[in-house]
Amino acid sequence: MERLLFSNYIYSDVIPVVFPKRLPHAFIYAMNMTKEHVKEYGITERLCLQEGFARRIFQTQTRTLYAYDTYQFNDYAKYESSIFSEPDKAAYRKEILTTSI
């Protein structure tokens, strides 16, 4: 990300970027956190800073997709992960897949 964005940015008010054209782009965040945790810890506010910079460089609107509460393991019994509820993750996954289709 840093090499892509900063190599196309000029420290000038007259010519702010040198990227050759407008470029549609998107950010996809797949995270183990729940939607509530993302809100509680201010994650979206932190991520929007890089999205804003990409918007400036690519000169187009940023599209963003958040995938919350994702699976980390195929079998949660094999790992110490007591802060996660595998049944809750399974229920959330089923709900999302059912409503997304």
PDB file of N, CA and C in Angstrom:
ATOM      1  N   MET A   1       0.830  -1.184   0.000  1.00  0.00           N
ATOM      2  CA  MET A   1       0.000   0.000   0.000  1.00  0.00           C
ATOM      3  C   MET A   1       0.879   1.254   0.000  1.00  0.00           C
ATOM      4  N   GLU A   2       1.844   1.270   0.901  1.00  0.00           N
ATOM      5  CA  GLU A   2       2.686   2.452   1.022  1.00  0.00           C
ATOM      6  C   GLU A   2       3.441   2.717  -0.274  1.00  0.00           C
ATOM      7  N   ARG A   3       3.971   1.694  -0.909  1.00  0.00           N
ATOM      8  CA  ARG A   3       4.720   1.865  -2.166  1.00  0.00           C
ATOM      9  C   ARG A   3       3.809   2.321  -3.304  1.00  0.00           C
ATOM     10  N   LEU A   4       2.603   1.858  -3.324  1.00  0.00           N
ATOM     11  CA  LEU A   4       1.659   2.248  -4.367  1.00  0.00           C
ATOM     12  C   LEU A   4       1.221   3.702  -4.208  1.00  0.00           C
ATOM     13  N   LEU A   5       0.837   4.078  -2.999  1.00  0.00           N
ATOM     14  CA  LEU A   5       0.296   5.425  -2.799  1.00  0.00           C
ATOM     15  C   LEU A   5       1.368   6.503  -2.808  1.00  0.00           C
ATOM     16  N   PHE A   6       2.407   6.333  -2.018  1.00  0.00           N
ATOM     17  CA  PHE A   6       3.383   7.410  -1.879  1.00  0.00           C
ATOM     18  C   PHE A   6       4.214   7.625  -3.142  1.00  0.00           C
ATOM     19  N   SER A   7       4.364   6.625  -3.969  1.00  0.00           N
ATOM     20  CA  SER A   7       5.117   6.819  -5.209  1.00  0.00           C
ATOM     21  C   SER A   7       4.340   7.659  -6.214  1.00  0.00           C
ATOM     22  N   ASN A   8       3.062   7.866  -5.974  1.00  0.00           N
ATOM     23  CA  ASN A   8       2.226   8.649  -6.890  1.00  0.00           C
ATOM     24  C   ASN A   8       1.762   9.968  -6.289  1.00  0.00           C
ATOM     25  N   TYR A   9       2.336  10.350  -5.179  1.00  0.00           N
ATOM     26  CA  TYR A   9       1.957  11.574  -4.482  1.00  0.00           C
ATOM     27  C   TYR A   9       3.088  12.590  -4.568  1.00  0.00           C
ATOM     28  N   ILE A  10       2.749  13.829  -4.867  1.00  0.00           N
ATOM     29  CA  ILE A  10       3.730  14.911  -4.901  1.00  0.00           C
ATOM     30  C   ILE A  10       3.354  15.889  -3.801  1.00  0.00           C
ATOM     31  N   TYR A  11       4.329  16.416  -3.137  1.00  0.00           N
ATOM     32  CA  TYR A  11       4.075  17.372  -2.059  1.00  0.00           C
ATOM     33  C   TYR A  11       3.875  18.758  -2.649  1.00  0.00           C
ATOM     34  N   SER A  12       2.766  18.916  -3.368  1.00  0.00           N
ATOM     35  CA  SER A  12       2.477  20.168  -4.059  1.00  0.00           C
ATOM     36  C   SER A  12       0.979  20.441  -4.011  1.00  0.00           C
ATOM     37  N   ASP A  13       0.603  21.696  -3.827  1.00  0.00           N
ATOM     38  CA  ASP A  13      -0.805  22.080  -3.893  1.00  0.00           C
ATOM     39  C   ASP A  13      -1.274  22.189  -5.338  1.00  0.00           C
ATOM     40  N   VAL A  14      -0.343  22.435  -6.254  1.00  0.00           N
ATOM     41  CA  VAL A  14      -0.689  22.626  -7.668  1.00  0.00           C
ATOM     42  C   VAL A  14      -0.891  21.286  -8.370  1.00  0.00           C
ATOM     43  N   ILE A  15       0.034  20.367  -8.174  1.00  0.00           N
ATOM     44  CA  ILE A  15      -0.032  19.039  -8.795  1.00  0.00           C
ATOM     45  C   ILE A  15       0.063  18.014  -7.662  1.00  0.00           C
ATOM     46  N   PRO A  16      -1.060  17.659  -7.049  1.00  0.00           N
ATOM     47  CA  PRO A  16      -0.992  16.789  -5.872  1.00  0.00           C
ATOM     48  C   PRO A  16      -0.640  15.330  -6.169  1.00  0.00           C
ATOM     49  N   VAL A  17      -0.980  14.841  -7.360  1.00  0.00           N
ATOM     50  CA  VAL A  17      -0.707  13.435  -7.681  1.00  0.00           C
ATOM     51  C   VAL A  17      -0.208  13.301  -9.106  1.00  0.00           C
ATOM     52  N   VAL A  18       0.493  12.213  -9.356  1.00  0.00           N
ATOM     53  CA  VAL A  18       0.980  11.937 -10.712  1.00  0.00           C
ATOM     54  C   VAL A  18       0.426  10.625 -11.257  1.00  0.00           C
ATOM     55  N   PHE A  19      -0.535  10.038 -10.563  1.00  0.00           N
ATOM     56  CA  PHE A  19      -1.121   8.793 -11.053  1.00  0.00           C
ATOM     57  C   PHE A  19      -1.702   9.063 -12.434  1.00  0.00           C
ATOM     58  N   PRO A  20      -1.453   8.195 -13.413  1.00  0.00           N
ATOM     59  CA  PRO A  20      -1.794   8.502 -14.804  1.00  0.00           C
ATOM     60  C   PRO A  20      -3.285   8.605 -15.139  1.00  0.00           C
ATOM     61  N   LYS A  21      -4.152   8.058 -14.322  1.00  0.00           N
ATOM     62  CA  LYS A  21      -5.578   8.115 -14.636  1.00  0.00           C
ATOM     63  C   LYS A  21      -6.390   7.851 -13.381  1.00  0.00           C
ATOM     64  N   ARG A  22      -7.688   8.077 -13.474  1.00  0.00           N
ATOM     65  CA  ARG A  22      -8.585   7.726 -12.367  1.00  0.00           C
ATOM     66  C   ARG A  22      -8.668   6.208 -12.293  1.00  0.00           C
ATOM     67  N   LEU A  23      -8.654   5.689 -11.080  1.00  0.00           N
ATOM     68  CA  LEU A  23      -8.634   4.244 -10.928  1.00  0.00           C
ATOM     69  C   LEU A  23      -9.693   3.805  -9.922  1.00  0.00           C
ATOM     70  N   PRO A  24     -10.710   3.081 -10.389  1.00  0.00           N
ATOM     71  CA  PRO A  24     -11.676   2.527  -9.433  1.00  0.00           C
ATOM     72  C   PRO A  24     -10.929   1.606  -8.465  1.00  0.00           C
ATOM     73  N   HIS A  25     -11.306   1.658  -7.201  1.00  0.00           N
ATOM     74  CA  HIS A  25     -10.609   0.854  -6.207  1.00  0.00           C
ATOM     75  C   HIS A  25     -11.540   0.533  -5.043  1.00  0.00           C
ATOM     76  N   ALA A  26     -11.137  -0.449  -4.272  1.00  0.00           N
ATOM     77  CA  ALA A  26     -11.935  -0.863  -3.117  1.00  0.00           C
ATOM     78  C   ALA A  26     -11.019  -1.401  -2.034  1.00  0.00           C
ATOM     79  N   PHE A  27     -11.491  -1.316  -0.814  1.00  0.00           N
ATOM     80  CA  PHE A  27     -10.823  -1.918   0.324  1.00  0.00           C
ATOM     81  C   PHE A  27     -11.737  -3.026   0.851  1.00  0.00           C
ATOM     82  N   ILE A  28     -11.179  -4.193   1.056  1.00  0.00           N
ATOM     83  CA  ILE A  28     -11.922  -5.310   1.632  1.00  0.00           C
ATOM     84  C   ILE A  28     -11.220  -5.694   2.929  1.00  0.00           C
ATOM     85  N   TYR A  29     -11.946  -5.554   4.022  1.00  0.00           N
ATOM     86  CA  TYR A  29     -11.396  -5.867   5.332  1.00  0.00           C
ATOM     87  C   TYR A  29     -12.067  -7.131   5.854  1.00  0.00           C
ATOM     88  N   ALA A  30     -11.305  -8.210   5.955  1.00  0.00           N
ATOM     89  CA  ALA A  30     -11.803  -9.446   6.547  1.00  0.00           C
ATOM     90  C   ALA A  30     -11.190  -9.522   7.937  1.00  0.00           C
ATOM     91  N   MET A  31     -12.042  -9.525   8.941  1.00  0.00           N
ATOM     92  CA  MET A  31     -11.520  -9.473  10.305  1.00  0.00           C
ATOM     93  C   MET A  31     -12.268 -10.413  11.229  1.00  0.00           C
ATOM     94  N   ASN A  32     -11.572 -10.812  12.245  1.00  0.00           N
ATOM     95  CA  ASN A  32     -12.131 -11.710  13.231  1.00  0.00           C
ATOM     96  C   ASN A  32     -13.038 -10.960  14.213  1.00  0.00           C
ATOM     97  N   MET A  33     -12.943  -9.654  14.258  1.00  0.00           N
ATOM     98  CA  MET A  33     -13.709  -8.845  15.214  1.00  0.00           C
ATOM     99  C   MET A  33     -15.191  -8.806  14.842  1.00  0.00           C
ATOM    100  N   THR A  34     -16.011  -8.674  15.857  1.00  0.00           N
ATOM    101  CA  THR A  34     -17.432  -8.481  15.599  1.00  0.00           C
ATOM    102  C   THR A  34     -17.673  -7.035  15.185  1.00  0.00           C
ATOM    103  N   LYS A  35     -18.817  -6.783  14.606  1.00  0.00           N
ATOM    104  CA  LYS A  35     -19.188  -5.424  14.208  1.00  0.00           C
ATOM    105  C   LYS A  35     -19.195  -4.499  15.430  1.00  0.00           C
ATOM    106  N   GLU A  36     -19.636  -5.011  16.555  1.00  0.00           N
ATOM    107  CA  GLU A  36     -19.684  -4.218  17.788  1.00  0.00           C
ATOM    108  C   GLU A  36     -18.279  -3.847  18.263  1.00  0.00           C
ATOM    109  N   HIS A  37     -17.329  -4.795  18.177  1.00  0.00           N
ATOM    110  CA  HIS A  37     -15.952  -4.503  18.573  1.00  0.00           C
ATOM    111  C   HIS A  37     -15.308  -3.483  17.639  1.00  0.00           C
ATOM    112  N   VAL A  38     -15.586  -3.591  16.367  1.00  0.00           N
ATOM    113  CA  VAL A  38     -15.046  -2.630  15.403  1.00  0.00           C
ATOM    114  C   VAL A  38     -15.502  -1.225  15.773  1.00  0.00           C
ATOM    115  N   LYS A  39     -16.765  -1.100  16.114  1.00  0.00           N
ATOM    116  CA  LYS A  39     -17.296   0.202  16.521  1.00  0.00           C
ATOM    117  C   LYS A  39     -16.683   0.659  17.845  1.00  0.00           C
ATOM    118  N   GLU A  40     -16.635  -0.246  18.821  1.00  0.00           N
ATOM    119  CA  GLU A  40     -16.120   0.089  20.150  1.00  0.00           C
ATOM    120  C   GLU A  40     -14.673   0.581  20.106  1.00  0.00           C
ATOM    121  N   TYR A  41     -13.838  -0.038  19.278  1.00  0.00           N
ATOM    122  CA  TYR A  41     -12.424   0.309  19.221  1.00  0.00           C
ATOM    123  C   TYR A  41     -12.095   1.348  18.145  1.00  0.00           C
ATOM    124  N   GLY A  42     -13.099   1.876  17.463  1.00  0.00           N
ATOM    125  CA  GLY A  42     -12.878   2.936  16.486  1.00  0.00           C
ATOM    126  C   GLY A  42     -12.082   2.499  15.268  1.00  0.00           C
ATOM    127  N   ILE A  43     -12.247   1.256  14.872  1.00  0.00           N
ATOM    128  CA  ILE A  43     -11.464   0.712  13.757  1.00  0.00           C
ATOM    129  C   ILE A  43     -11.800   1.414  12.441  1.00  0.00           C
ATOM    130  N   THR A  44     -13.072   1.647  12.170  1.00  0.00           N
ATOM    131  CA  THR A  44     -13.436   2.271  10.887  1.00  0.00           C
ATOM    132  C   THR A  44     -12.843   3.680  10.774  1.00  0.00           C
ATOM    133  N   GLU A  45     -12.777   4.396  11.884  1.00  0.00           N
ATOM    134  CA  GLU A  45     -12.194   5.742  11.839  1.00  0.00           C
ATOM    135  C   GLU A  45     -10.703   5.685  11.518  1.00  0.00           C
ATOM    136  N   ARG A  46     -10.042   4.653  11.999  1.00  0.00           N
ATOM    137  CA  ARG A  46      -8.609   4.502  11.702  1.00  0.00           C
ATOM    138  C   ARG A  46      -8.384   4.092  10.247  1.00  0.00           C
ATOM    139  N   LEU A  47      -9.231   3.201   9.757  1.00  0.00           N
ATOM    140  CA  LEU A  47      -9.072   2.720   8.388  1.00  0.00           C
ATOM    141  C   LEU A  47      -9.449   3.786   7.357  1.00  0.00           C
ATOM    142  N   CYS A  48     -10.357   4.666   7.706  1.00  0.00           N
ATOM    143  CA  CYS A  48     -10.798   5.673   6.737  1.00  0.00           C
ATOM    144  C   CYS A  48      -9.689   6.644   6.373  1.00  0.00           C
ATOM    145  N   LEU A  49      -8.653   6.759   7.182  1.00  0.00           N
ATOM    146  CA  LEU A  49      -7.527   7.640   6.850  1.00  0.00           C
ATOM    147  C   LEU A  49      -6.816   7.152   5.587  1.00  0.00           C
ATOM    148  N   GLN A  50      -6.520   5.856   5.506  1.00  0.00           N
ATOM    149  CA  GLN A  50      -5.867   5.344   4.302  1.00  0.00           C
ATOM    150  C   GLN A  50      -6.824   5.337   3.116  1.00  0.00           C
ATOM    151  N   GLU A  51      -8.103   5.143   3.363  1.00  0.00           N
ATOM    152  CA  GLU A  51      -9.084   5.189   2.278  1.00  0.00           C
ATOM    153  C   GLU A  51      -9.140   6.594   1.680  1.00  0.00           C
ATOM    154  N   GLY A  52      -9.090   7.610   2.534  1.00  0.00           N
ATOM    155  CA  GLY A  52      -9.103   8.997   2.060  1.00  0.00           C
ATOM    156  C   GLY A  52      -7.872   9.320   1.232  1.00  0.00           C
ATOM    157  N   PHE A  53      -6.741   8.790   1.658  1.00  0.00           N
ATOM    158  CA  PHE A  53      -5.512   9.029   0.905  1.00  0.00           C
ATOM    159  C   PHE A  53      -5.587   8.338  -0.457  1.00  0.00           C
ATOM    160  N   ALA A  54      -6.114   7.126  -0.492  1.00  0.00           N
ATOM    161  CA  ALA A  54      -6.275   6.413  -1.767  1.00  0.00           C
ATOM    162  C   ALA A  54      -7.229   7.170  -2.679  1.00  0.00           C
ATOM    163  N   ARG A  55      -8.292   7.734  -2.107  1.00  0.00           N
ATOM    164  CA  ARG A  55      -9.249   8.532  -2.877  1.00  0.00           C
ATOM    165  C   ARG A  55      -8.537   9.718  -3.538  1.00  0.00           C
ATOM    166  N   ARG A  56      -7.655  10.343  -2.800  1.00  0.00           N
ATOM    167  CA  ARG A  56      -6.917  11.496  -3.334  1.00  0.00           C
ATOM    168  C   ARG A  56      -5.977  11.065  -4.463  1.00  0.00           C
ATOM    169  N   ILE A  57      -5.262   9.975  -4.279  1.00  0.00           N
ATOM    170  CA  ILE A  57      -4.306   9.502  -5.280  1.00  0.00           C
ATOM    171  C   ILE A  57      -5.018   9.017  -6.543  1.00  0.00           C
ATOM    172  N   PHE A  58      -6.041   8.171  -6.371  1.00  0.00           N
ATOM    173  CA  PHE A  58      -6.707   7.555  -7.516  1.00  0.00           C
ATOM    174  C   PHE A  58      -7.819   8.413  -8.098  1.00  0.00           C
ATOM    175  N   GLN A  59      -8.154   9.504  -7.426  1.00  0.00           N
ATOM    176  CA  GLN A  59      -9.115  10.495  -7.911  1.00  0.00           C
ATOM    177  C   GLN A  59     -10.498   9.913  -8.196  1.00  0.00           C
ATOM    178  N   THR A  60     -10.883   8.918  -7.421  1.00  0.00           N
ATOM    179  CA  THR A  60     -12.215   8.324  -7.543  1.00  0.00           C
ATOM    180  C   THR A  60     -12.724   7.949  -6.157  1.00  0.00           C
ATOM    181  N   GLN A  61     -13.989   7.656  -6.076  1.00  0.00           N
ATOM    182  CA  GLN A  61     -14.611   7.269  -4.814  1.00  0.00           C
ATOM    183  C   GLN A  61     -14.090   5.903  -4.365  1.00  0.00           C
ATOM    184  N   THR A  62     -13.881   5.757  -3.087  1.00  0.00           N
ATOM    185  CA  THR A  62     -13.452   4.483  -2.514  1.00  0.00           C
ATOM    186  C   THR A  62     -14.670   3.638  -2.164  1.00  0.00           C
ATOM    187  N   ARG A  63     -14.622   2.372  -2.498  1.00  0.00           N
ATOM    188  CA  ARG A  63     -15.661   1.431  -2.068  1.00  0.00           C
ATOM    189  C   ARG A  63     -15.047   0.562  -0.977  1.00  0.00           C
ATOM    190  N   THR A  64     -15.848   0.242   0.024  1.00  0.00           N
ATOM    191  CA  THR A  64     -15.338  -0.496   1.174  1.00  0.00           C
ATOM    192  C   THR A  64     -16.291  -1.623   1.538  1.00  0.00           C
ATOM    193  N   LEU A  65     -15.722  -2.780   1.860  1.00  0.00           N
ATOM    194  CA  LEU A  65     -16.491  -3.920   2.328  1.00  0.00           C
ATOM    195  C   LEU A  65     -15.853  -4.426   3.619  1.00  0.00           C
ATOM    196  N   TYR A  66     -16.651  -4.543   4.655  1.00  0.00           N
ATOM    197  CA  TYR A  66     -16.202  -5.101   5.929  1.00  0.00           C
ATOM    198  C   TYR A  66     -16.794  -6.500   6.077  1.00  0.00           C
ATOM    199  N   ALA A  67     -15.947  -7.482   6.295  1.00  0.00           N
ATOM    200  CA  ALA A  67     -16.382  -8.849   6.593  1.00  0.00           C
ATOM    201  C   ALA A  67     -16.055  -9.091   8.058  1.00  0.00           C
ATOM    202  N   TYR A  68     -17.079  -9.087   8.896  1.00  0.00           N
ATOM    203  CA  TYR A  68     -16.897  -9.200  10.344  1.00  0.00           C
ATOM    204  C   TYR A  68     -16.939 -10.642  10.811  1.00  0.00           C
ATOM    205  N   ASP A  69     -16.352 -10.865  11.971  1.00  0.00           N
ATOM    206  CA  ASP A  69     -16.498 -12.122  12.707  1.00  0.00           C
ATOM    207  C   ASP A  69     -16.171 -13.346  11.852  1.00  0.00           C
ATOM    208  N   THR A  70     -15.076 -13.256  11.114  1.00  0.00           N
ATOM    209  CA  THR A  70     -14.688 -14.332  10.214  1.00  0.00           C
ATOM    210  C   THR A  70     -14.061 -15.495  10.982  1.00  0.00           C
ATOM    211  N   TYR A  71     -14.056 -16.643  10.356  1.00  0.00           N
ATOM    212  CA  TYR A  71     -13.418 -17.828  10.935  1.00  0.00           C
ATOM    213  C   TYR A  71     -11.906 -17.708  10.812  1.00  0.00           C
ATOM    214  N   GLN A  72     -11.204 -18.135  11.849  1.00  0.00           N
ATOM    215  CA  GLN A  72      -9.745 -18.204  11.786  1.00  0.00           C
ATOM    216  C   GLN A  72      -9.249 -19.634  11.651  1.00  0.00           C
ATOM    217  N   PHE A  73     -10.019 -20.561  12.142  1.00  0.00           N
ATOM    218  CA  PHE A  73      -9.593 -21.960  12.185  1.00  0.00           C
ATOM    219  C   PHE A  73     -10.705 -22.857  11.630  1.00  0.00           C
ATOM    220  N   ASN A  74     -10.305 -23.995  11.081  1.00  0.00           N
ATOM    221  CA  ASN A  74     -11.296 -24.992  10.675  1.00  0.00           C
ATOM    222  C   ASN A  74     -11.872 -25.718  11.883  1.00  0.00           C
ATOM    223  N   ASP A  75     -11.042 -25.872  12.902  1.00  0.00           N
ATOM    224  CA  ASP A  75     -11.470 -26.587  14.106  1.00  0.00           C
ATOM    225  C   ASP A  75     -11.006 -25.801  15.329  1.00  0.00           C
ATOM    226  N   TYR A  76     -11.922 -25.080  15.950  1.00  0.00           N
ATOM    227  CA  TYR A  76     -11.579 -24.235  17.101  1.00  0.00           C
ATOM    228  C   TYR A  76     -11.130 -25.051  18.307  1.00  0.00           C
ATOM    229  N   ALA A  77     -11.467 -26.336  18.370  1.00  0.00           N
ATOM    230  CA  ALA A  77     -11.068 -27.190  19.492  1.00  0.00           C
ATOM    231  C   ALA A  77      -9.554 -27.435  19.507  1.00  0.00           C
ATOM    232  N   LYS A  78      -8.896 -27.243  18.390  1.00  0.00           N
ATOM    233  CA  LYS A  78      -7.459 -27.483  18.304  1.00  0.00           C
ATOM    234  C   LYS A  78      -6.625 -26.309  18.797  1.00  0.00           C
ATOM    235  N   TYR A  79      -7.241 -25.185  19.073  1.00  0.00           N
ATOM    236  CA  TYR A  79      -6.503 -23.970  19.416  1.00  0.00           C
ATOM    237  C   TYR A  79      -7.050 -23.332  20.685  1.00  0.00           C
ATOM    238  N   GLU A  80      -6.190 -22.637  21.398  1.00  0.00           N
ATOM    239  CA  GLU A  80      -6.651 -21.840  22.534  1.00  0.00           C
ATOM    240  C   GLU A  80      -7.253 -20.563  21.953  1.00  0.00           C
ATOM    241  N   SER A  81      -8.551 -20.479  22.016  1.00  0.00           N
ATOM    242  CA  SER A  81      -9.252 -19.323  21.453  1.00  0.00           C
ATOM    243  C   SER A  81     -10.521 -19.057  22.252  1.00  0.00           C
ATOM    244  N   SER A  82     -10.370 -19.101  23.559  1.00  0.00           N
ATOM    245  CA  SER A  82     -11.543 -19.004  24.430  1.00  0.00           C
ATOM    246  C   SER A  82     -12.238 -17.648  24.375  1.00  0.00           C
ATOM    247  N   ILE A  83     -11.609 -16.647  23.796  1.00  0.00           N
ATOM    248  CA  ILE A  83     -12.303 -15.357  23.677  1.00  0.00           C
ATOM    249  C   ILE A  83     -13.318 -15.358  22.543  1.00  0.00           C
ATOM    250  N   PHE A  84     -13.265 -16.396  21.695  1.00  0.00           N
ATOM    251  CA  PHE A  84     -14.208 -16.501  20.586  1.00  0.00           C
ATOM    252  C   PHE A  84     -15.226 -17.596  20.860  1.00  0.00           C
ATOM    253  N   SER A  85     -16.409 -17.407  20.357  1.00  0.00           N
ATOM    254  CA  SER A  85     -17.438 -18.432  20.447  1.00  0.00           C
ATOM    255  C   SER A  85     -17.652 -19.007  19.053  1.00  0.00           C
ATOM    256  N   GLU A  86     -17.146 -20.213  18.847  1.00  0.00           N
ATOM    257  CA  GLU A  86     -17.312 -20.846  17.528  1.00  0.00           C
ATOM    258  C   GLU A  86     -18.780 -21.026  17.163  1.00  0.00           C
ATOM    259  N   PRO A  87     -19.662 -21.420  18.103  1.00  0.00           N
ATOM    260  CA  PRO A  87     -21.079 -21.511  17.742  1.00  0.00           C
ATOM    261  C   PRO A  87     -21.670 -20.153  17.315  1.00  0.00           C
ATOM    262  N   ASP A  88     -21.261 -19.078  17.972  1.00  0.00           N
ATOM    263  CA  ASP A  88     -21.731 -17.740  17.577  1.00  0.00           C
ATOM    264  C   ASP A  88     -21.221 -17.380  16.189  1.00  0.00           C
ATOM    265  N   LYS A  89     -19.957 -17.699  15.922  1.00  0.00           N
ATOM    266  CA  LYS A  89     -19.395 -17.437  14.599  1.00  0.00           C
ATOM    267  C   LYS A  89     -20.152 -18.228  13.530  1.00  0.00           C
ATOM    268  N   ALA A  90     -20.455 -19.472  13.828  1.00  0.00           N
ATOM    269  CA  ALA A  90     -21.177 -20.316  12.878  1.00  0.00           C
ATOM    270  C   ALA A  90     -22.569 -19.740  12.606  1.00  0.00           C
ATOM    271  N   ALA A  91     -23.249 -19.302  13.650  1.00  0.00           N
ATOM    272  CA  ALA A  91     -24.587 -18.725  13.486  1.00  0.00           C
ATOM    273  C   ALA A  91     -24.524 -17.441  12.669  1.00  0.00           C
ATOM    274  N   TYR A  92     -23.534 -16.605  12.950  1.00  0.00           N
ATOM    275  CA  TYR A  92     -23.373 -15.343  12.207  1.00  0.00           C
ATOM    276  C   TYR A  92     -23.072 -15.635  10.733  1.00  0.00           C
ATOM    277  N   ARG A  93     -22.181 -16.583  10.510  1.00  0.00           N
ATOM    278  CA  ARG A  93     -21.812 -16.956   9.137  1.00  0.00           C
ATOM    279  C   ARG A  93     -23.035 -17.462   8.366  1.00  0.00           C
ATOM    280  N   LYS A  94     -23.818 -18.309   9.009  1.00  0.00           N
ATOM    281  CA  LYS A  94     -25.019 -18.846   8.364  1.00  0.00           C
ATOM    282  C   LYS A  94     -26.004 -17.724   8.042  1.00  0.00           C
ATOM    283  N   GLU A  95     -26.183 -16.802   8.990  1.00  0.00           N
ATOM    284  CA  GLU A  95     -27.091 -15.672   8.784  1.00  0.00           C
ATOM    285  C   GLU A  95     -26.640 -14.806   7.605  1.00  0.00           C
ATOM    286  N   ILE A  96     -25.359 -14.486   7.574  1.00  0.00           N
ATOM    287  CA  ILE A  96     -24.821 -13.644   6.493  1.00  0.00           C
ATOM    288  C   ILE A  96     -24.940 -14.342   5.143  1.00  0.00           C
ATOM    289  N   LEU A  97     -24.594 -15.609   5.092  1.00  0.00           N
ATOM    290  CA  LEU A  97     -24.673 -16.343   3.829  1.00  0.00           C
ATOM    291  C   LEU A  97     -26.118 -16.473   3.364  1.00  0.00           C
ATOM    292  N   THR A  98     -27.029 -16.649   4.289  1.00  0.00           N
ATOM    293  CA  THR A  98     -28.444 -16.793   3.943  1.00  0.00           C
ATOM    294  C   THR A  98     -29.022 -15.483   3.432  1.00  0.00           C
ATOM    295  N   THR A  99     -28.662 -14.369   4.073  1.00  0.00           N
ATOM    296  CA  THR A  99     -29.227 -13.077   3.667  1.00  0.00           C
ATOM    297  C   THR A  99     -28.498 -12.468   2.482  1.00  0.00           C
ATOM    298  N   SER A 100     -27.286 -12.947   2.172  1.00  0.00           N
ATOM    299  CA  SER A 100     -26.519 -12.388   1.065  1.00  0.00           C
ATOM    300  C   SER A 100     -26.885 -12.992  -0.284  1.00  0.00           C
ATOM    301  N   ILE A 101     -27.478 -14.155  -0.252  1.00  0.00           N
ATOM    302  CA  ILE A 101     -27.779 -14.865  -1.515  1.00  0.00           C
ATOM    303  C   ILE A 101     -29.062 -14.374  -2.111  1.00  0.00           C
TER     304      ILE A 101
END
